[in-house]
Amino acid sequence: DTMRRVVRQSKFRHVFGQPVKADQMYEDIRVSKVTCDSSFCAVNPRFVAIIVDASGGGAFLVLPLHKTGRIDKSYPTVCGHTGPVLDIDWCPHNDQVIASGSEDCTVMVWQIPENGLTLSLTEPVVVLEGHSKRVGIVAWHPTARNVLLSAGCDNAIIIWNVGTGEALINLDDMHADMIYNVSWNRNGSLICTASKDKKVRVIDPRKQELVAEKEKTHEGARPMRAIFLADGNIFTTGFSRMSERQLALWNPKNMEEPIALHEMDTSNGVLLPFYDPDTNIIYLCGKGDSSIRYFEITDESPYVHYLNTFSSKEPQRGMGFMPKRGLDVNKCEIARFFKLHERKCEPIIMTVPRKSDLFQDDLYPDTAGPEAALEAEEWFEGKNADPLLISLKHGYIPGKNRDLKVVKKNILDNKPAGNKKSDLINAPKKAADASNPQNDAKLEEILKELKSIKDTICSQDERISKLEQQMAKIAD
């Protein structure tokens, strides 16, 4: 009875999901076929970014949100990686900055021009080198500017100061097995991780210590996910010993027993959780499923309340989730997903139908805005701060973003090959005086060669897609 009563009172009982019209989709995109449980898609109020198949390297598309319809095969990409791109994440404090992790063991941070790409982008603002195996996870800090976390198949988590290009924290001995995912808590003071050894760990990255851990969070052998909720609890998805999909809620202060544990179904797709801290709703998108299920988390038993399921015909390859400030508050839109198919990306709008045209403040409490609450240095020194909130009452108008500048401490401490041109320009004067002309000439030579190789790869990519188009025409 309580289950029924609590659910019925929820204002999110009737969340209504609807795909957009055909002309509002992004068509003819070759979505990446890499086998990894990444969501392959990242969105913000300006752009949608999608990892695509690329010959001879790794690439992703960045499209302005309004650039719907058929995407030309020769549309420019971000193609500086030498191996497939595995994960991408938009910076929460700058809508033109995106990070990518790749099979080539590097993390790259890119500045996207204000109106999108007109030429393929091969030069990142900074290359972050430190992992010895492929990098499958990148995640920006929620409240501190220029702090980026990456996790690789070397079982290491590195936290970077992107503004200086340095690795400031390296957690390389906390995980004995592959890391499935990493999640920051609301103010970015802790992270939680799910790993192949079936453990969920809560880590204080600055003290480099384990705060809590739970063995056999889910008994099954298939991949798990763990994310922090706004109240500090942890939500996990995984598999039971009988290969049923499960979801669970945990209190990190006492990980003995879950607060709630629910069996779902026997499908084998990994459940990717997307969480909205403002409404406390979790959306579960299974890889290969054709549905999105959503649940409300409350303080009352049974704590995780099933709300509804949005179903469609085709399975999803990946999924992007729009931050709250990118939604249309006039249409009572509370979530927007970008569902990837084999060859297209389809936005799905989630609304709570209301009769009134007025702003519904119960649906839109103040939400995290684009301003960073802390500078990177303050966070590394031990400060914490909650996200700076903004009201969506009059909609969100994107402001001007400042360019990301990288200032290296001293270029002589780095390997020459790792230095990109941008680092040399931004390097302090003293360092430039100290370096000898021979090194400079050698460096210039390496940079030129790198650039020409990257240009060749991009032009070959374009040539391949043109030939494919010709082939398609002949076949038709």
Protein backbone atom coordinates (compact mmCIF):
# COMPACT_ATOMS: atom_id res chain seq x y z
CA ASP A 1 0.00 0.00 0.00
CA THR A 2 2.69 2.49 0.98
CA MET A 3 4.46 1.81 -2.31
CA ARG A 4 1.29 2.66 -4.22
CA ARG A 5 0.46 5.69 -2.15
CA VAL A 6 3.93 7.25 -2.29
CA VAL A 7 4.29 6.75 -6.01
CA ARG A 8 0.84 8.11 -6.77
CA GLN A 9 1.56 11.37 -4.97
CA SER A 10 4.65 12.06 -7.05
CA LYS A 11 4.44 14.91 -9.53
CA PHE A 12 6.66 12.83 -11.83
CA ARG A 13 4.19 9.96 -12.09
CA HIS A 14 3.22 11.18 -15.55
CA VAL A 15 6.49 12.06 -17.17
CA PHE A 16 5.80 11.90 -20.87
CA GLY A 17 8.59 10.91 -23.28
CA GLN A 18 8.44 11.80 -26.96
CA PRO A 19 10.96 11.52 -29.80
CA VAL A 20 11.34 14.64 -31.95
CA LYS A 21 10.05 14.86 -35.52
CA ALA A 22 12.19 13.30 -38.23
CA ASP A 23 13.62 16.63 -39.43
CA GLN A 24 14.90 17.38 -35.90
CA MET A 25 17.16 14.30 -35.83
CA TYR A 26 20.82 14.12 -36.79
CA GLU A 27 20.99 11.68 -39.71
CA ASP A 28 23.75 9.79 -41.50
CA ILE A 29 26.24 9.60 -38.65
CA ARG A 30 28.57 6.62 -38.47
CA VAL A 31 28.41 5.99 -34.72
CA SER A 32 31.53 4.32 -33.31
CA LYS A 33 31.52 0.52 -33.24
CA VAL A 34 34.14 0.27 -30.49
CA THR A 35 33.09 -2.27 -27.89
CA CYS A 36 33.15 -0.36 -24.64
CA ASP A 37 30.39 0.62 -22.26
CA SER A 38 30.81 4.34 -22.81
CA SER A 39 27.74 6.38 -23.70
CA PHE A 40 29.45 7.64 -26.96
CA CYS A 41 27.63 10.95 -26.72
CA ALA A 42 27.92 14.18 -24.71
CA VAL A 43 25.64 17.20 -24.93
CA ASN A 44 25.39 20.72 -23.51
CA PRO A 45 23.21 23.78 -24.25
CA ARG A 46 25.25 24.56 -27.40
CA PHE A 47 26.52 21.32 -28.94
CA VAL A 48 26.01 17.60 -29.31
CA ALA A 49 29.23 15.55 -29.57
CA ILE A 50 29.21 11.99 -30.88
CA ILE A 51 32.09 9.51 -31.13
CA VAL A 52 32.21 8.26 -34.73
CA ASP A 53 34.02 5.60 -36.72
CA ALA A 54 37.24 6.95 -38.15
CA SER A 55 39.87 5.31 -40.29
CA GLY A 56 43.44 5.62 -39.06
CA GLY A 57 42.75 7.23 -35.71
CA GLY A 58 39.97 8.40 -33.46
CA ALA A 59 37.41 11.12 -34.09
CA PHE A 60 34.23 12.63 -32.82
CA LEU A 61 31.67 14.95 -34.36
CA VAL A 62 30.68 18.22 -32.69
CA LEU A 63 27.42 19.62 -34.05
CA PRO A 64 25.66 22.83 -33.00
CA LEU A 65 22.29 21.74 -31.55
CA HIS A 66 20.38 23.40 -34.42
CA LYS A 67 22.39 21.54 -37.11
CA THR A 68 19.79 18.81 -37.57
CA GLY A 69 18.98 16.74 -40.67
CA ARG A 70 21.49 14.88 -42.84
CA ILE A 71 25.07 15.44 -41.77
CA ASP A 72 27.38 15.56 -44.77
CA LYS A 73 30.04 12.83 -44.83
CA SER A 74 32.72 15.49 -45.25
CA TYR A 75 31.55 17.40 -42.15
CA PRO A 76 34.63 18.33 -40.10
CA THR A 77 35.52 16.23 -37.04
CA VAL A 78 37.77 16.51 -34.01
CA CYS A 79 40.48 14.07 -35.10
CA GLY A 80 43.74 14.47 -33.19
CA HIS A 81 43.87 11.06 -31.47
CA THR A 82 45.86 8.26 -33.08
CA GLY A 83 43.57 5.54 -31.68
CA PRO A 84 39.77 5.25 -31.31
CA VAL A 85 38.13 7.74 -28.93
CA LEU A 86 36.47 5.91 -26.01
CA ASP A 87 34.89 8.67 -23.90
CA ILE A 88 34.06 12.38 -24.16
CA ASP A 89 32.84 14.90 -21.58
CA TRP A 90 31.87 18.58 -21.90
CA CYS A 91 33.33 20.94 -19.35
CA PRO A 92 30.50 22.07 -17.02
CA HIS A 93 32.03 25.55 -16.73
CA ASN A 94 32.71 26.27 -20.40
CA ASP A 95 30.36 25.08 -23.15
CA GLN A 96 33.12 25.24 -25.77
CA VAL A 97 35.60 22.97 -24.01
CA ILE A 98 35.45 19.17 -24.29
CA ALA A 99 37.79 16.42 -23.08
CA SER A 100 38.35 13.09 -24.83
CA GLY A 101 40.02 9.86 -23.70
CA SER A 102 41.38 7.42 -26.25
CA GLU A 103 42.92 4.04 -26.93
CA ASP A 104 46.16 5.93 -27.68
CA CYS A 105 46.62 6.32 -23.84
CA THR A 106 46.17 10.10 -23.92
CA VAL A 107 43.55 12.57 -22.79
CA MET A 108 43.08 15.63 -24.98
CA VAL A 109 41.23 18.85 -24.19
CA TRP A 110 39.73 20.78 -27.09
CA GLN A 111 38.39 24.28 -27.58
CA ILE A 112 35.46 24.27 -30.02
CA PRO A 113 34.85 27.55 -31.94
CA GLU A 114 31.73 29.42 -30.84
CA ASN A 115 29.68 28.53 -33.92
CA GLY A 116 30.99 25.00 -34.33
CA LEU A 117 33.66 23.54 -36.61
CA THR A 118 34.27 24.75 -40.14
CA LEU A 119 37.50 22.74 -40.50
CA SER A 120 38.58 19.49 -38.87
CA LEU A 121 40.28 20.12 -35.55
CA THR A 122 43.61 18.34 -35.09
CA GLU A 123 45.33 20.52 -32.48
CA PRO A 124 44.07 20.13 -28.91
CA VAL A 125 44.62 22.92 -26.39
CA VAL A 126 46.53 20.45 -24.26
CA VAL A 127 47.51 16.76 -24.34
CA LEU A 128 47.52 15.02 -20.96
CA GLU A 129 49.96 12.11 -20.93
CA GLY A 130 50.30 9.82 -17.94
CA HIS A 131 48.30 6.64 -18.53
CA SER A 132 50.11 3.53 -19.74
CA LYS A 133 47.00 1.89 -21.23
CA ARG A 134 43.87 3.09 -23.01
CA VAL A 135 41.79 5.79 -21.32
CA GLY A 136 38.12 4.82 -21.14
CA ILE A 137 36.78 7.43 -18.70
CA VAL A 138 37.00 11.24 -18.52
CA ALA A 139 34.98 13.29 -16.01
CA TRP A 140 35.22 16.99 -15.19
CA HIS A 141 35.07 18.19 -11.60
CA PRO A 142 31.56 19.53 -10.86
CA THR A 143 32.56 22.76 -9.08
CA ALA A 144 36.28 23.52 -9.59
CA ARG A 145 37.51 25.09 -12.82
CA ASN A 146 39.92 23.12 -15.02
CA VAL A 147 40.03 19.99 -12.85
CA LEU A 148 39.66 16.81 -14.92
CA LEU A 149 39.68 13.17 -13.86
CA SER A 150 40.68 10.33 -16.17
CA ALA A 151 40.70 6.58 -15.60
CA GLY A 152 42.40 4.01 -17.78
CA CYS A 153 42.82 0.29 -18.30
CA ASP A 154 46.03 0.61 -16.28
CA ASN A 155 43.61 0.71 -13.28
CA ALA A 156 44.87 4.20 -12.44
CA ILE A 157 42.86 7.36 -11.82
CA ILE A 158 44.67 10.62 -12.58
CA ILE A 159 43.36 14.07 -11.63
CA TRP A 160 44.74 16.86 -13.80
CA ASN A 161 44.99 20.60 -13.54
CA VAL A 162 44.10 21.34 -17.16
CA GLY A 163 45.18 24.98 -16.77
CA THR A 164 48.81 23.88 -16.32
CA GLY A 165 48.65 20.50 -18.07
CA GLU A 166 49.92 18.72 -14.94
CA ALA A 167 48.86 15.48 -13.29
CA LEU A 168 48.46 16.51 -9.66
CA ILE A 169 46.96 13.34 -8.16
CA ASN A 170 47.67 9.79 -9.29
CA LEU A 171 45.64 7.02 -7.65
CA ASP A 172 47.42 4.03 -9.18
CA ASP A 173 47.30 1.50 -6.34
CA MET A 174 43.65 1.63 -5.26
CA HIS A 175 42.18 -0.68 -7.91
CA ALA A 176 43.44 -4.18 -8.62
CA ASP A 177 41.11 -4.61 -11.57
CA MET A 178 39.46 -2.69 -14.40
CA ILE A 179 37.51 0.44 -13.40
CA TYR A 180 34.02 0.49 -14.92
CA ASN A 181 33.06 4.03 -13.98
CA VAL A 182 33.91 6.96 -11.73
CA SER A 183 31.48 9.52 -10.29
CA TRP A 184 32.15 12.77 -8.41
CA ASN A 185 29.91 13.69 -5.49
CA ARG A 186 27.90 16.94 -5.53
CA ASN A 187 30.72 19.23 -4.34
CA GLY A 188 33.57 17.19 -5.80
CA SER A 189 35.20 16.28 -2.47
CA LEU A 190 34.84 12.51 -3.00
CA ILE A 191 34.66 10.05 -5.89
CA CYS A 192 33.04 6.65 -6.05
CA THR A 193 34.13 3.91 -8.43
CA ALA A 194 32.75 0.59 -9.64
CA SER A 195 35.31 -1.98 -10.64
CA LYS A 196 35.60 -5.45 -12.16
CA ASP A 197 36.46 -6.94 -8.75
CA LYS A 198 32.75 -6.29 -7.87
CA LYS A 199 33.71 -3.63 -5.34
CA VAL A 200 32.33 -0.13 -5.01
CA ARG A 201 34.88 2.20 -3.44
CA VAL A 202 34.45 5.69 -1.99
CA ILE A 203 37.74 7.60 -2.23
CA ASP A 204 38.97 10.94 -0.95
CA PRO A 205 41.21 11.82 -3.91
CA ARG A 206 43.19 14.63 -2.23
CA LYS A 207 44.07 12.56 0.84
CA GLN A 208 44.45 9.55 -1.48
CA GLU A 209 42.60 7.36 0.99
CA LEU A 210 39.75 4.88 0.89
CA VAL A 211 36.73 6.20 2.81
CA ALA A 212 34.45 3.17 2.33
CA GLU A 213 34.14 0.07 0.20
CA LYS A 214 31.65 -2.68 -0.43
CA GLU A 215 32.64 -6.11 -1.74
CA LYS A 216 30.27 -7.97 -4.05
CA THR A 217 28.00 -4.95 -4.43
CA HIS A 218 26.29 -7.03 -7.11
CA GLU A 219 27.15 -10.73 -7.33
CA GLY A 220 27.05 -11.03 -11.11
CA ALA A 221 30.17 -10.89 -13.26
CA ARG A 222 28.93 -8.30 -15.76
CA PRO A 223 29.82 -4.60 -15.55
CA MET A 224 28.44 -2.39 -12.77
CA ARG A 225 27.90 1.34 -12.44
CA ALA A 226 27.98 3.48 -9.29
CA ILE A 227 26.98 7.15 -9.03
CA PHE A 228 26.74 9.65 -6.19
CA LEU A 229 23.35 11.20 -5.45
CA ALA A 230 22.88 14.77 -4.19
CA ASP A 231 22.36 13.61 -0.58
CA GLY A 232 25.64 11.67 -0.54
CA ASN A 233 24.10 8.22 -0.98
CA ILE A 234 25.29 5.95 -3.79
CA PHE A 235 23.14 4.38 -6.49
CA THR A 236 24.44 1.26 -8.25
CA THR A 237 23.36 -0.89 -11.19
CA GLY A 238 24.68 -4.39 -11.82
CA PHE A 239 23.76 -8.05 -12.17
CA SER A 240 22.71 -10.75 -9.73
CA ARG A 241 24.32 -14.20 -9.66
CA MET A 242 21.44 -15.36 -11.86
CA SER A 243 22.30 -12.60 -14.37
CA GLU A 244 19.27 -10.52 -13.54
CA ARG A 245 19.77 -6.78 -13.74
CA GLN A 246 19.67 -5.07 -10.35
CA LEU A 247 19.67 -1.59 -8.95
CA ALA A 248 20.58 -0.69 -5.38
CA LEU A 249 20.88 2.28 -3.04
CA TRP A 250 23.68 2.51 -0.45
CA ASN A 251 24.69 4.72 2.43
CA PRO A 252 28.50 5.13 2.28
CA LYS A 253 28.63 5.50 6.09
CA ASN A 254 27.34 1.92 6.40
CA MET A 255 27.88 -0.25 3.34
CA GLU A 256 26.95 -3.56 5.05
CA GLU A 257 23.43 -3.76 3.63
CA PRO A 258 21.82 -1.75 0.83
CA ILE A 259 19.07 0.75 1.73
CA ALA A 260 17.14 -0.76 -1.19
CA LEU A 261 17.75 -3.50 -3.75
CA HIS A 262 15.50 -4.23 -6.72
CA GLU A 263 15.66 -6.92 -9.41
CA MET A 264 14.75 -5.65 -12.86
CA ASP A 265 14.82 -8.18 -15.71
CA THR A 266 17.15 -10.66 -17.39
CA SER A 267 18.35 -8.50 -20.26
CA ASN A 268 22.15 -8.41 -20.63
CA GLY A 269 22.77 -4.76 -21.58
CA VAL A 270 24.69 -2.69 -19.04
CA LEU A 271 22.39 -0.15 -17.37
CA LEU A 272 23.75 3.39 -17.74
CA PRO A 273 22.30 5.63 -15.00
CA PHE A 274 21.64 9.32 -15.70
CA TYR A 275 20.81 11.35 -12.61
CA ASP A 276 19.03 14.65 -12.16
CA PRO A 277 19.98 16.06 -8.73
CA ASP A 278 17.29 18.77 -8.88
CA THR A 279 14.35 16.35 -9.07
CA ASN A 280 16.07 13.25 -7.64
CA ILE A 281 15.08 11.20 -10.67
CA ILE A 282 17.32 8.48 -12.10
CA TYR A 283 16.91 7.43 -15.72
CA LEU A 284 18.26 3.99 -16.63
CA CYS A 285 19.23 3.41 -20.25
CA GLY A 286 20.40 -0.11 -21.04
CA LYS A 287 22.91 -0.52 -23.84
CA GLY A 288 21.04 -2.35 -26.58
CA ASP A 289 17.66 -1.76 -24.88
CA SER A 290 14.94 0.19 -26.61
CA SER A 291 13.59 1.74 -23.42
CA ILE A 292 14.42 4.30 -20.75
CA ARG A 293 13.12 3.50 -17.27
CA TYR A 294 12.92 6.17 -14.62
CA PHE A 295 12.79 6.09 -10.84
CA GLU A 296 12.34 8.68 -8.12
CA ILE A 297 14.57 8.49 -5.04
CA THR A 298 12.90 9.61 -1.78
CA ASP A 299 13.45 9.31 1.98
CA GLU A 300 10.47 7.00 2.41
CA SER A 301 10.41 3.25 1.96
CA PRO A 302 10.91 1.67 -0.58
CA TYR A 303 13.25 4.65 -1.34
CA VAL A 304 13.60 3.82 -5.06
CA HIS A 305 10.19 4.28 -6.68
CA TYR A 306 9.57 3.05 -10.20
CA LEU A 307 7.84 5.83 -12.14
CA ASN A 308 7.48 4.74 -15.73
CA THR A 309 9.15 3.49 -18.90
CA PHE A 310 9.64 5.27 -22.19
CA SER A 311 9.74 2.66 -24.97
CA SER A 312 10.66 2.92 -28.61
CA LYS A 313 11.20 0.39 -31.37
CA GLU A 314 14.93 0.60 -31.96
CA PRO A 315 17.75 -0.30 -29.56
CA GLN A 316 20.15 2.40 -28.34
CA ARG A 317 23.90 2.28 -29.05
CA GLY A 318 24.60 5.10 -26.63
CA MET A 319 22.97 8.06 -24.94
CA GLY A 320 23.62 11.73 -24.18
CA PHE A 321 21.92 13.61 -21.33
CA MET A 322 21.32 17.36 -21.51
CA PRO A 323 22.20 19.48 -18.45
CA LYS A 324 19.16 21.19 -16.89
CA ARG A 325 20.09 24.63 -18.22
CA GLY A 326 19.74 23.35 -21.80
CA LEU A 327 16.05 22.43 -21.44
CA ASP A 328 12.95 24.31 -22.57
CA VAL A 329 11.24 25.39 -19.33
CA ASN A 330 8.26 26.82 -21.25
CA LYS A 331 7.35 23.30 -22.39
CA CYS A 332 7.79 21.79 -18.89
CA GLU A 333 10.68 19.73 -20.24
CA ILE A 334 12.47 18.01 -17.33
CA ALA A 335 14.98 15.91 -19.30
CA ARG A 336 16.29 15.50 -22.83
CA PHE A 337 18.12 12.45 -24.11
CA PHE A 338 20.13 12.08 -27.30
CA LYS A 339 19.70 8.47 -28.34
CA LEU A 340 22.27 6.99 -30.71
CA HIS A 341 21.25 4.47 -33.37
CA GLU A 342 23.61 2.85 -35.88
CA ARG A 343 23.36 5.80 -38.27
CA LYS A 344 21.58 8.62 -36.47
CA CYS A 345 21.04 10.51 -33.24
CA GLU A 346 17.48 11.04 -32.05
CA PRO A 347 16.60 13.57 -29.32
CA ILE A 348 13.91 12.38 -26.88
CA ILE A 349 12.06 15.03 -24.88
CA MET A 350 10.71 14.21 -21.39
CA THR A 351 7.95 16.54 -20.17
CA VAL A 352 5.54 16.79 -17.24
CA PRO A 353 2.30 17.99 -18.86
CA ARG A 354 0.80 21.02 -17.04
CA LYS A 355 -2.24 23.07 -17.94
CA SER A 356 -0.74 26.41 -16.93
CA ASP A 357 1.66 28.38 -19.14
CA LEU A 358 3.38 29.92 -16.11
CA PHE A 359 6.87 28.93 -14.95
CA GLN A 360 6.56 25.77 -12.82
CA ASP A 361 8.96 26.38 -9.97
CA ASP A 362 8.30 23.00 -8.36
CA LEU A 363 9.70 21.34 -11.51
CA TYR A 364 12.68 23.70 -11.74
CA PRO A 365 14.41 24.38 -8.43
CA ASP A 366 17.60 26.43 -8.90
CA THR A 367 20.11 24.34 -10.82
CA ALA A 368 23.89 24.21 -11.25
CA GLY A 369 24.98 27.12 -13.43
CA PRO A 370 28.05 27.45 -15.68
CA GLU A 371 30.19 29.40 -13.19
CA ALA A 372 32.88 27.46 -11.34
CA ALA A 373 32.70 27.83 -7.53
CA LEU A 374 36.46 27.26 -7.09
CA GLU A 375 39.69 27.63 -9.03
CA ALA A 376 41.72 24.45 -9.56
CA GLU A 377 44.43 25.57 -7.13
CA GLU A 378 41.90 26.19 -4.35
CA TRP A 379 40.46 22.70 -4.74
CA PHE A 380 43.88 21.03 -4.76
CA GLU A 381 44.71 22.98 -1.58
CA GLY A 382 41.72 21.40 0.15
CA LYS A 383 38.78 23.78 -0.31
CA ASN A 384 35.28 22.49 -1.12
CA ALA A 385 32.30 24.35 -2.55
CA ASP A 386 28.82 23.41 -3.70
CA PRO A 387 27.76 24.22 -7.27
CA LEU A 388 26.75 27.85 -7.87
CA LEU A 389 23.03 27.71 -8.63
CA ILE A 390 21.01 29.73 -11.13
CA SER A 391 17.26 30.18 -11.61
CA LEU A 392 15.71 28.98 -14.86
CA LYS A 393 12.68 31.23 -14.45
CA HIS A 394 13.42 33.21 -17.63
CA GLY A 395 15.18 30.36 -19.42
CA TYR A 396 18.94 30.03 -19.68
CA ILE A 397 20.85 32.42 -21.92
CA PRO A 398 24.39 31.15 -22.59
CA GLY A 399 26.98 33.80 -21.78
CA LYS A 400 30.35 34.39 -23.39
CA ASN A 401 32.88 31.66 -22.59
CA ARG A 402 36.47 32.57 -21.93
CA ASP A 403 39.09 30.70 -23.93
CA LEU A 404 40.93 27.92 -22.15
CA LYS A 405 44.56 28.94 -21.73
CA VAL A 406 47.22 26.46 -20.67
CA VAL A 407 50.26 27.83 -18.87
CA LYS A 408 53.02 25.28 -18.39
CA LYS A 409 55.21 25.71 -15.30
CA ASN A 410 58.46 25.14 -17.18
CA ILE A 411 58.71 23.53 -20.59
CA LEU A 412 62.13 22.03 -19.84
CA ASP A 413 60.60 19.63 -17.33
CA ASN A 414 58.60 18.00 -20.10
CA LYS A 415 59.52 15.58 -22.84
CA PRO A 416 59.98 17.65 -26.04
CA ALA A 417 57.60 15.47 -28.07
CA GLY A 418 54.85 16.08 -25.56
CA ASN A 419 54.99 19.83 -26.06
CA LYS A 420 52.41 21.24 -28.38
CA LYS A 421 52.85 24.61 -30.02
CA SER A 422 50.28 26.20 -27.70
CA ASP A 423 52.41 25.25 -24.69
CA LEU A 424 55.45 26.97 -26.17
CA ILE A 425 53.54 30.17 -26.77
CA ASN A 426 52.14 30.14 -23.24
CA ALA A 427 55.35 29.05 -21.53
CA PRO A 428 56.88 31.51 -19.07
CA LYS A 429 59.58 33.81 -20.49
CA LYS A 430 62.38 32.50 -18.27
CA ALA A 431 61.98 28.99 -19.57
CA ALA A 432 62.26 30.20 -23.15
CA ASP A 433 65.50 32.05 -22.41
CA ALA A 434 66.98 29.02 -20.70
CA SER A 435 66.33 26.59 -23.55
CA ASN A 436 69.05 26.27 -26.15
CA PRO A 437 68.54 26.98 -29.87
CA GLN A 438 69.30 23.38 -30.90
CA ASN A 439 66.42 22.04 -28.79
CA ASP A 440 64.11 24.69 -30.18
CA ALA A 441 64.95 23.80 -33.76
CA LYS A 442 64.50 20.07 -33.06
CA LEU A 443 61.18 20.77 -31.35
CA GLU A 444 59.97 22.90 -34.24
CA GLU A 445 60.88 20.07 -36.63
CA ILE A 446 58.96 17.47 -34.59
CA LEU A 447 55.93 19.75 -34.36
CA LYS A 448 55.94 20.32 -38.14
CA GLU A 449 56.14 16.59 -38.82
CA LEU A 450 53.35 15.84 -36.33
CA LYS A 451 51.14 18.46 -37.92
CA SER A 452 51.72 17.19 -41.45
CA ILE A 453 50.96 13.58 -40.41
CA LYS A 454 47.72 14.68 -38.71
CA ASP A 455 46.72 16.75 -41.76
CA THR A 456 47.36 13.74 -43.98
CA ILE A 457 45.16 11.53 -41.78
CA CYS A 458 42.34 14.09 -41.92
CA SER A 459 42.56 14.56 -45.68
CA GLN A 460 42.66 10.77 -46.20
CA ASP A 461 39.54 10.50 -44.02
CA GLU A 462 37.78 13.04 -46.22
CA ARG A 463 38.94 11.25 -49.38
CA ILE A 464 37.63 7.91 -48.04
CA SER A 465 34.22 9.38 -47.27
CA LYS A 466 34.03 10.97 -50.76
CA LEU A 467 34.86 7.61 -52.37
CA GLU A 468 32.24 5.92 -50.18
CA GLN A 469 29.68 8.47 -51.38
CA GLN A 470 30.59 7.74 -55.01
CA MET A 471 30.28 4.00 -54.34
CA ALA A 472 26.87 4.51 -52.72
CA LYS A 473 25.69 6.53 -55.75
CA ILE A 474 26.83 3.80 -58.16
CA ALA A 475 25.18 1.11 -56.00
CA ASP A 476 21.90 3.06 -55.91
